[in-house]
Amino acid sequence: MPQSMDPKDIERRVYGAWNRKTQAAEKPRPDNFELMKLEGRLYGVLYRGVEALVVYRVRNDGQLKFMARPPRQFRMSR
């Protein structure tokens, strides 16, 4: 069954996935979420200031895929 493609639902699921993946001690607090379309693909990005903390690609069926190596267009903190 496909996941919802509603932007608010995607935002909620990106925050949830990020909370499950990141250890509490090393977790910086994101202050912005953006849903971006790049080269025909949809991405959910959590930002802290101007730098992206985490990027998830939204698959066609609505599932999220963590991007260990996100596209260069996303400015990552490290």
PDB file of N, CA and C in Angstrom:
ATOM      1  N   MET A   1       0.847  -1.175   0.000  1.00  0.00           N
ATOM      2  CA  MET A   1       0.000   0.000   0.000  1.00  0.00           C
ATOM      3  C   MET A   1       0.898   1.246   0.000  1.00  0.00           C
ATOM      4  N   PRO A   2       0.678   2.183  -0.914  1.00  0.00           N
ATOM      5  CA  PRO A   2       1.528   3.372  -0.989  1.00  0.00           C
ATOM      6  C   PRO A   2       1.352   4.297   0.211  1.00  0.00           C
ATOM      7  N   GLN A   3       2.470   4.913   0.596  1.00  0.00           N
ATOM      8  CA  GLN A   3       2.447   5.902   1.670  1.00  0.00           C
ATOM      9  C   GLN A   3       1.832   7.189   1.125  1.00  0.00           C
ATOM     10  N   SER A   4       1.406   8.055   2.007  1.00  0.00           N
ATOM     11  CA  SER A   4       0.823   9.336   1.618  1.00  0.00           C
ATOM     12  C   SER A   4       1.884  10.247   1.012  1.00  0.00           C
ATOM     13  N   MET A   5       1.485  11.026  -0.009  1.00  0.00           N
ATOM     14  CA  MET A   5       2.386  11.987  -0.632  1.00  0.00           C
ATOM     15  C   MET A   5       2.024  13.411  -0.204  1.00  0.00           C
ATOM     16  N   ASP A   6       1.246  13.545   0.853  1.00  0.00           N
ATOM     17  CA  ASP A   6       0.887  14.852   1.392  1.00  0.00           C
ATOM     18  C   ASP A   6       2.135  15.493   2.007  1.00  0.00           C
ATOM     19  N   PRO A   7       2.454  16.760   1.656  1.00  0.00           N
ATOM     20  CA  PRO A   7       3.671  17.394   2.179  1.00  0.00           C
ATOM     21  C   PRO A   7       3.770  17.402   3.708  1.00  0.00           C
ATOM     22  N   LYS A   8       2.674  17.630   4.398  1.00  0.00           N
ATOM     23  CA  LYS A   8       2.695  17.627   5.874  1.00  0.00           C
ATOM     24  C   LYS A   8       2.988  16.229   6.419  1.00  0.00           C
ATOM     25  N   ASP A   9       2.449  15.211   5.759  1.00  0.00           N
ATOM     26  CA  ASP A   9       2.706  13.837   6.177  1.00  0.00           C
ATOM     27  C   ASP A   9       4.169  13.475   5.916  1.00  0.00           C
ATOM     28  N   ILE A  10       4.699  13.892   4.790  1.00  0.00           N
ATOM     29  CA  ILE A  10       6.112  13.630   4.483  1.00  0.00           C
ATOM     30  C   ILE A  10       6.993  14.308   5.524  1.00  0.00           C
ATOM     31  N   GLU A  11       6.679  15.555   5.870  1.00  0.00           N
ATOM     32  CA  GLU A  11       7.454  16.275   6.888  1.00  0.00           C
ATOM     33  C   GLU A  11       7.436  15.522   8.216  1.00  0.00           C
ATOM     34  N   ARG A  12       6.265  15.070   8.625  1.00  0.00           N
ATOM     35  CA  ARG A  12       6.128  14.324   9.886  1.00  0.00           C
ATOM     36  C   ARG A  12       6.966  13.046   9.850  1.00  0.00           C
ATOM     37  N   ARG A  13       6.926  12.340   8.725  1.00  0.00           N
ATOM     38  CA  ARG A  13       7.676  11.083   8.613  1.00  0.00           C
ATOM     39  C   ARG A  13       9.181  11.313   8.538  1.00  0.00           C
ATOM     40  N   VAL A  14       9.623  12.419   7.902  1.00  0.00           N
ATOM     41  CA  VAL A  14      11.056  12.740   7.860  1.00  0.00           C
ATOM     42  C   VAL A  14      11.562  13.034   9.271  1.00  0.00           C
ATOM     43  N   TYR A  15      10.829  13.844  10.035  1.00  0.00           N
ATOM     44  CA  TYR A  15      11.226  14.118  11.419  1.00  0.00           C
ATOM     45  C   TYR A  15      11.265  12.826  12.235  1.00  0.00           C
ATOM     46  N   GLY A  16      10.296  11.953  12.059  1.00  0.00           N
ATOM     47  CA  GLY A  16      10.271  10.690  12.783  1.00  0.00           C
ATOM     48  C   GLY A  16      11.433   9.792  12.419  1.00  0.00           C
ATOM     49  N   ALA A  17      11.738   9.693  11.134  1.00  0.00           N
ATOM     50  CA  ALA A  17      12.863   8.870  10.683  1.00  0.00           C
ATOM     51  C   ALA A  17      14.179   9.423  11.216  1.00  0.00           C
ATOM     52  N   TRP A  18      14.316  10.737  11.208  1.00  0.00           N
ATOM     53  CA  TRP A  18      15.535  11.367  11.717  1.00  0.00           C
ATOM     54  C   TRP A  18      15.695  11.113  13.218  1.00  0.00           C
ATOM     55  N   ASN A  19      14.596  11.201  13.962  1.00  0.00           N
ATOM     56  CA  ASN A  19      14.646  10.944  15.406  1.00  0.00           C
ATOM     57  C   ASN A  19      15.035   9.503  15.712  1.00  0.00           C
ATOM     58  N   ARG A  20      14.551   8.560  14.921  1.00  0.00           N
ATOM     59  CA  ARG A  20      14.892   7.155  15.140  1.00  0.00           C
ATOM     60  C   ARG A  20      16.340   6.868  14.764  1.00  0.00           C
ATOM     61  N   LYS A  21      16.862   7.531  13.743  1.00  0.00           N
ATOM     62  CA  LYS A  21      18.200   7.233  13.230  1.00  0.00           C
ATOM     63  C   LYS A  21      19.313   7.885  14.051  1.00  0.00           C
ATOM     64  N   THR A  22      19.086   9.062  14.578  1.00  0.00           N
ATOM     65  CA  THR A  22      20.129   9.839  15.230  1.00  0.00           C
ATOM     66  C   THR A  22      20.151   9.591  16.733  1.00  0.00           C
ATOM     67  N   GLN A  23      21.331   9.410  17.290  1.00  0.00           N
ATOM     68  CA  GLN A  23      21.487   9.232  18.732  1.00  0.00           C
ATOM     69  C   GLN A  23      21.142  10.529  19.452  1.00  0.00           C
ATOM     70  N   ALA A  24      20.508  10.432  20.605  1.00  0.00           N
ATOM     71  CA  ALA A  24      20.050  11.618  21.341  1.00  0.00           C
ATOM     72  C   ALA A  24      21.200  12.548  21.721  1.00  0.00           C
ATOM     73  N   ALA A  25      22.354  12.004  22.071  1.00  0.00           N
ATOM     74  CA  ALA A  25      23.478  12.833  22.517  1.00  0.00           C
ATOM     75  C   ALA A  25      24.062  13.671  21.382  1.00  0.00           C
ATOM     76  N   GLU A  26      24.007  13.172  20.165  1.00  0.00           N
ATOM     77  CA  GLU A  26      24.618  13.882  19.038  1.00  0.00           C
ATOM     78  C   GLU A  26      23.596  14.608  18.170  1.00  0.00           C
ATOM     79  N   LYS A  27      22.388  14.734  18.645  1.00  0.00           N
ATOM     80  CA  LYS A  27      21.299  15.257  17.841  1.00  0.00           C
ATOM     81  C   LYS A  27      21.217  16.783  17.881  1.00  0.00           C
ATOM     82  N   PRO A  28      21.650  17.475  16.810  1.00  0.00           N
ATOM     83  CA  PRO A  28      21.383  18.914  16.751  1.00  0.00           C
ATOM     84  C   PRO A  28      19.913  19.127  16.407  1.00  0.00           C
ATOM     85  N   ARG A  29      19.341  20.179  16.879  1.00  0.00           N
ATOM     86  CA  ARG A  29      17.924  20.439  16.665  1.00  0.00           C
ATOM     87  C   ARG A  29      17.722  21.121  15.310  1.00  0.00           C
ATOM     88  N   PRO A  30      16.983  20.485  14.379  1.00  0.00           N
ATOM     89  CA  PRO A  30      16.726  21.152  13.093  1.00  0.00           C
ATOM     90  C   PRO A  30      15.768  22.324  13.298  1.00  0.00           C
ATOM     91  N   ASP A  31      15.948  23.362  12.502  1.00  0.00           N
ATOM     92  CA  ASP A  31      15.058  24.510  12.623  1.00  0.00           C
ATOM     93  C   ASP A  31      14.261  24.784  11.354  1.00  0.00           C
ATOM     94  N   ASN A  32      14.403  23.911  10.360  1.00  0.00           N
ATOM     95  CA  ASN A  32      13.667  24.124   9.119  1.00  0.00           C
ATOM     96  C   ASN A  32      13.540  22.814   8.355  1.00  0.00           C
ATOM     97  N   PHE A  33      12.417  22.655   7.676  1.00  0.00           N
ATOM     98  CA  PHE A  33      12.183  21.515   6.791  1.00  0.00           C
ATOM     99  C   PHE A  33      11.845  22.065   5.422  1.00  0.00           C
ATOM    100  N   GLU A  34      12.355  21.388   4.392  1.00  0.00           N
ATOM    101  CA  GLU A  34      12.023  21.792   3.023  1.00  0.00           C
ATOM    102  C   GLU A  34      11.789  20.546   2.182  1.00  0.00           C
ATOM    103  N   LEU A  35      10.749  20.589   1.394  1.00  0.00           N
ATOM    104  CA  LEU A  35      10.449  19.538   0.432  1.00  0.00           C
ATOM    105  C   LEU A  35      10.906  20.068  -0.914  1.00  0.00           C
ATOM    106  N   MET A  36      11.894  19.412  -1.515  1.00  0.00           N
ATOM    107  CA  MET A  36      12.502  19.917  -2.748  1.00  0.00           C
ATOM    108  C   MET A  36      12.379  18.905  -3.875  1.00  0.00           C
ATOM    109  N   LYS A  37      12.224  19.419  -5.082  1.00  0.00           N
ATOM    110  CA  LYS A  37      12.217  18.579  -6.266  1.00  0.00           C
ATOM    111  C   LYS A  37      13.495  18.872  -7.031  1.00  0.00           C
ATOM    112  N   LEU A  38      14.262  17.828  -7.317  1.00  0.00           N
ATOM    113  CA  LEU A  38      15.538  17.962  -8.004  1.00  0.00           C
ATOM    114  C   LEU A  38      15.657  16.843  -9.024  1.00  0.00           C
ATOM    115  N   GLU A  39      15.815  17.216 -10.285  1.00  0.00           N
ATOM    116  CA  GLU A  39      15.939  16.250 -11.382  1.00  0.00           C
ATOM    117  C   GLU A  39      14.809  15.224 -11.370  1.00  0.00           C
ATOM    118  N   GLY A  40      13.605  15.691 -11.109  1.00  0.00           N
ATOM    119  CA  GLY A  40      12.430  14.829 -11.140  1.00  0.00           C
ATOM    120  C   GLY A  40      12.213  13.993  -9.891  1.00  0.00           C
ATOM    121  N   ARG A  41      13.083  14.118  -8.909  1.00  0.00           N
ATOM    122  CA  ARG A  41      12.943  13.357  -7.672  1.00  0.00           C
ATOM    123  C   ARG A  41      12.609  14.302  -6.524  1.00  0.00           C
ATOM    124  N   LEU A  42      11.876  13.771  -5.551  1.00  0.00           N
ATOM    125  CA  LEU A  42      11.425  14.561  -4.411  1.00  0.00           C
ATOM    126  C   LEU A  42      12.283  14.221  -3.198  1.00  0.00           C
ATOM    127  N   TYR A  43      12.726  15.263  -2.483  1.00  0.00           N
ATOM    128  CA  TYR A  43      13.585  15.089  -1.320  1.00  0.00           C
ATOM    129  C   TYR A  43      13.011  15.857  -0.138  1.00  0.00           C
ATOM    130  N   GLY A  44      13.089  15.268   1.045  1.00  0.00           N
ATOM    131  CA  GLY A  44      12.761  15.944   2.286  1.00  0.00           C
ATOM    132  C   GLY A  44      14.068  16.269   2.989  1.00  0.00           C
ATOM    133  N   VAL A  45      14.292  17.545   3.288  1.00  0.00           N
ATOM    134  CA  VAL A  45      15.570  17.994   3.845  1.00  0.00           C
ATOM    135  C   VAL A  45      15.325  18.708   5.170  1.00  0.00           C
ATOM    136  N   LEU A  46      16.071  18.306   6.205  1.00  0.00           N
ATOM    137  CA  LEU A  46      16.050  18.990   7.488  1.00  0.00           C
ATOM    138  C   LEU A  46      17.295  19.871   7.577  1.00  0.00           C
ATOM    139  N   TYR A  47      17.086  21.134   7.911  1.00  0.00           N
ATOM    140  CA  TYR A  47      18.175  22.107   7.980  1.00  0.00           C
ATOM    141  C   TYR A  47      18.408  22.584   9.401  1.00  0.00           C
ATOM    142  N   ARG A  48      19.635  22.925   9.680  1.00  0.00           N
ATOM    143  CA  ARG A  48      20.036  23.655  10.885  1.00  0.00           C
ATOM    144  C   ARG A  48      20.764  24.884  10.353  1.00  0.00           C
ATOM    145  N   GLY A  49      20.112  26.024  10.396  1.00  0.00           N
ATOM    146  CA  GLY A  49      20.671  27.219   9.763  1.00  0.00           C
ATOM    147  C   GLY A  49      20.613  27.056   8.247  1.00  0.00           C
ATOM    148  N   VAL A  50      21.752  27.209   7.587  1.00  0.00           N
ATOM    149  CA  VAL A  50      21.786  27.063   6.125  1.00  0.00           C
ATOM    150  C   VAL A  50      22.286  25.698   5.693  1.00  0.00           C
ATOM    151  N   GLU A  51      22.741  24.876   6.641  1.00  0.00           N
ATOM    152  CA  GLU A  51      23.298  23.579   6.299  1.00  0.00           C
ATOM    153  C   GLU A  51      22.280  22.461   6.513  1.00  0.00           C
ATOM    154  N   ALA A  52      22.265  21.518   5.581  1.00  0.00           N
ATOM    155  CA  ALA A  52      21.358  20.375   5.673  1.00  0.00           C
ATOM    156  C   ALA A  52      21.895  19.384   6.708  1.00  0.00           C
ATOM    157  N   LEU A  53      21.038  18.959   7.627  1.00  0.00           N
ATOM    158  CA  LEU A  53      21.414  17.938   8.599  1.00  0.00           C
ATOM    159  C   LEU A  53      21.248  16.551   8.009  1.00  0.00           C
ATOM    160  N   VAL A  54      20.134  16.358   7.320  1.00  0.00           N
ATOM    161  CA  VAL A  54      19.813  15.045   6.773  1.00  0.00           C
ATOM    162  C   VAL A  54      18.931  15.221   5.539  1.00  0.00           C
ATOM    163  N   VAL A  55      19.092  14.290   4.595  1.00  0.00           N
ATOM    164  CA  VAL A  55      18.302  14.306   3.364  1.00  0.00           C
ATOM    165  C   VAL A  55      17.676  12.927   3.186  1.00  0.00           C
ATOM    166  N   TYR A  56      16.374  12.919   2.929  1.00  0.00           N
ATOM    167  CA  TYR A  56      15.657  11.684   2.611  1.00  0.00           C
ATOM    168  C   TYR A  56      15.025  11.849   1.235  1.00  0.00           C
ATOM    169  N   ARG A  57      15.196  10.839   0.390  1.00  0.00           N
ATOM    170  CA  ARG A  57      14.511  10.863  -0.899  1.00  0.00           C
ATOM    171  C   ARG A  57      13.148  10.229  -0.703  1.00  0.00           C
ATOM    172  N   VAL A  58      12.140  10.817  -1.300  1.00  0.00           N
ATOM    173  CA  VAL A  58      10.779  10.277  -1.232  1.00  0.00           C
ATOM    174  C   VAL A  58      10.581   9.450  -2.493  1.00  0.00           C
ATOM    175  N   ARG A  59      10.459   8.161  -2.319  1.00  0.00           N
ATOM    176  CA  ARG A  59      10.289   7.262  -3.465  1.00  0.00           C
ATOM    177  C   ARG A  59       8.905   7.454  -4.074  1.00  0.00           C
ATOM    178  N   ASN A  60       8.709   6.903  -5.261  1.00  0.00           N
ATOM    179  CA  ASN A  60       7.429   7.033  -5.965  1.00  0.00           C
ATOM    180  C   ASN A  60       6.263   6.455  -5.170  1.00  0.00           C
ATOM    181  N   ASP A  61       6.541   5.439  -4.352  1.00  0.00           N
ATOM    182  CA  ASP A  61       5.479   4.836  -3.540  1.00  0.00           C
ATOM    183  C   ASP A  61       5.296   5.556  -2.206  1.00  0.00           C
ATOM    184  N   GLY A  62       6.065   6.645  -1.975  1.00  0.00           N
ATOM    185  CA  GLY A  62       5.920   7.443  -0.766  1.00  0.00           C
ATOM    186  C   GLY A  62       6.868   7.074   0.351  1.00  0.00           C
ATOM    187  N   GLN A  63       7.599   5.959   0.218  1.00  0.00           N
ATOM    188  CA  GLN A  63       8.538   5.562   1.260  1.00  0.00           C
ATOM    189  C   GLN A  63       9.752   6.483   1.254  1.00  0.00           C
ATOM    190  N   LEU A  64      10.380   6.612   2.428  1.00  0.00           N
ATOM    191  CA  LEU A  64      11.563   7.451   2.570  1.00  0.00           C
ATOM    192  C   LEU A  64      12.824   6.614   2.454  1.00  0.00           C
ATOM    193  N   LYS A  65      13.843   7.180   1.818  1.00  0.00           N
ATOM    194  CA  LYS A  65      15.143   6.526   1.694  1.00  0.00           C
ATOM    195  C   LYS A  65      16.186   7.494   2.217  1.00  0.00           C
ATOM    196  N   PHE A  66      16.905   7.094   3.266  1.00  0.00           N
ATOM    197  CA  PHE A  66      17.975   7.920   3.820  1.00  0.00           C
ATOM    198  C   PHE A  66      19.085   8.042   2.788  1.00  0.00           C
ATOM    199  N   MET A  67      19.565   9.260   2.570  1.00  0.00           N
ATOM    200  CA  MET A  67      20.621   9.500   1.602  1.00  0.00           C
ATOM    201  C   MET A  67      21.954   9.633   2.346  1.00  0.00           C
ATOM    202  N   ALA A  68      22.741   8.558   2.354  1.00  0.00           N
ATOM    203  CA  ALA A  68      24.057   8.601   2.990  1.00  0.00           C
ATOM    204  C   ALA A  68      24.968   9.555   2.228  1.00  0.00           C
ATOM    205  N   ARG A  69      24.807   9.589   0.907  1.00  0.00           N
ATOM    206  CA  ARG A  69      25.545  10.534   0.067  1.00  0.00           C
ATOM    207  C   ARG A  69      24.534  11.302  -0.777  1.00  0.00           C
ATOM    208  N   PRO A  70      23.977  12.363  -0.212  1.00  0.00           N
ATOM    209  CA  PRO A  70      22.957  13.125  -0.947  1.00  0.00           C
ATOM    210  C   PRO A  70      23.555  13.851  -2.144  1.00  0.00           C
ATOM    211  N   PRO A  71      22.744  14.281  -3.080  1.00  0.00           N
ATOM    212  CA  PRO A  71      23.231  15.051  -4.227  1.00  0.00           C
ATOM    213  C   PRO A  71      24.026  16.273  -3.772  1.00  0.00           C
ATOM    214  N   ARG A  72      25.000  16.649  -4.566  1.00  0.00           N
ATOM    215  CA  ARG A  72      25.883  17.780  -4.241  1.00  0.00           C
ATOM    216  C   ARG A  72      25.152  19.085  -4.008  1.00  0.00           C
ATOM    217  N   GLN A  73      23.978  19.231  -4.597  1.00  0.00           N
ATOM    218  CA  GLN A  73      23.226  20.473  -4.475  1.00  0.00           C
ATOM    219  C   GLN A  73      22.807  20.764  -3.037  1.00  0.00           C
ATOM    220  N   PHE A  74      22.782  19.724  -2.210  1.00  0.00           N
ATOM    221  CA  PHE A  74      22.426  19.913  -0.798  1.00  0.00           C
ATOM    222  C   PHE A  74      23.702  20.142  -0.010  1.00  0.00           C
ATOM    223  N   ARG A  75      23.728  21.232   0.702  1.00  0.00           N
ATOM    224  CA  ARG A  75      24.898  21.590   1.480  1.00  0.00           C
ATOM    225  C   ARG A  75      24.825  20.882   2.814  1.00  0.00           C
ATOM    226  N   MET A  76      25.742  19.935   3.047  1.00  0.00           N
ATOM    227  CA  MET A  76      25.695  19.122   4.258  1.00  0.00           C
ATOM    228  C   MET A  76      26.715  19.614   5.287  1.00  0.00           C
ATOM    229  N   SER A  77      26.350  19.511   6.549  1.00  0.00           N
ATOM    230  CA  SER A  77      27.275  19.841   7.633  1.00  0.00           C
ATOM    231  C   SER A  77      28.084  18.590   7.985  1.00  0.00           C
ATOM    232  N   ARG A  78      29.321  18.760   8.225  1.00  0.00           N
ATOM    233  CA  ARG A  78      30.213  17.659   8.653  1.00  0.00           C
ATOM    234  C   ARG A  78      31.483  18.251   9.181  1.00  0.00           C
TER     235      ARG A  78
END
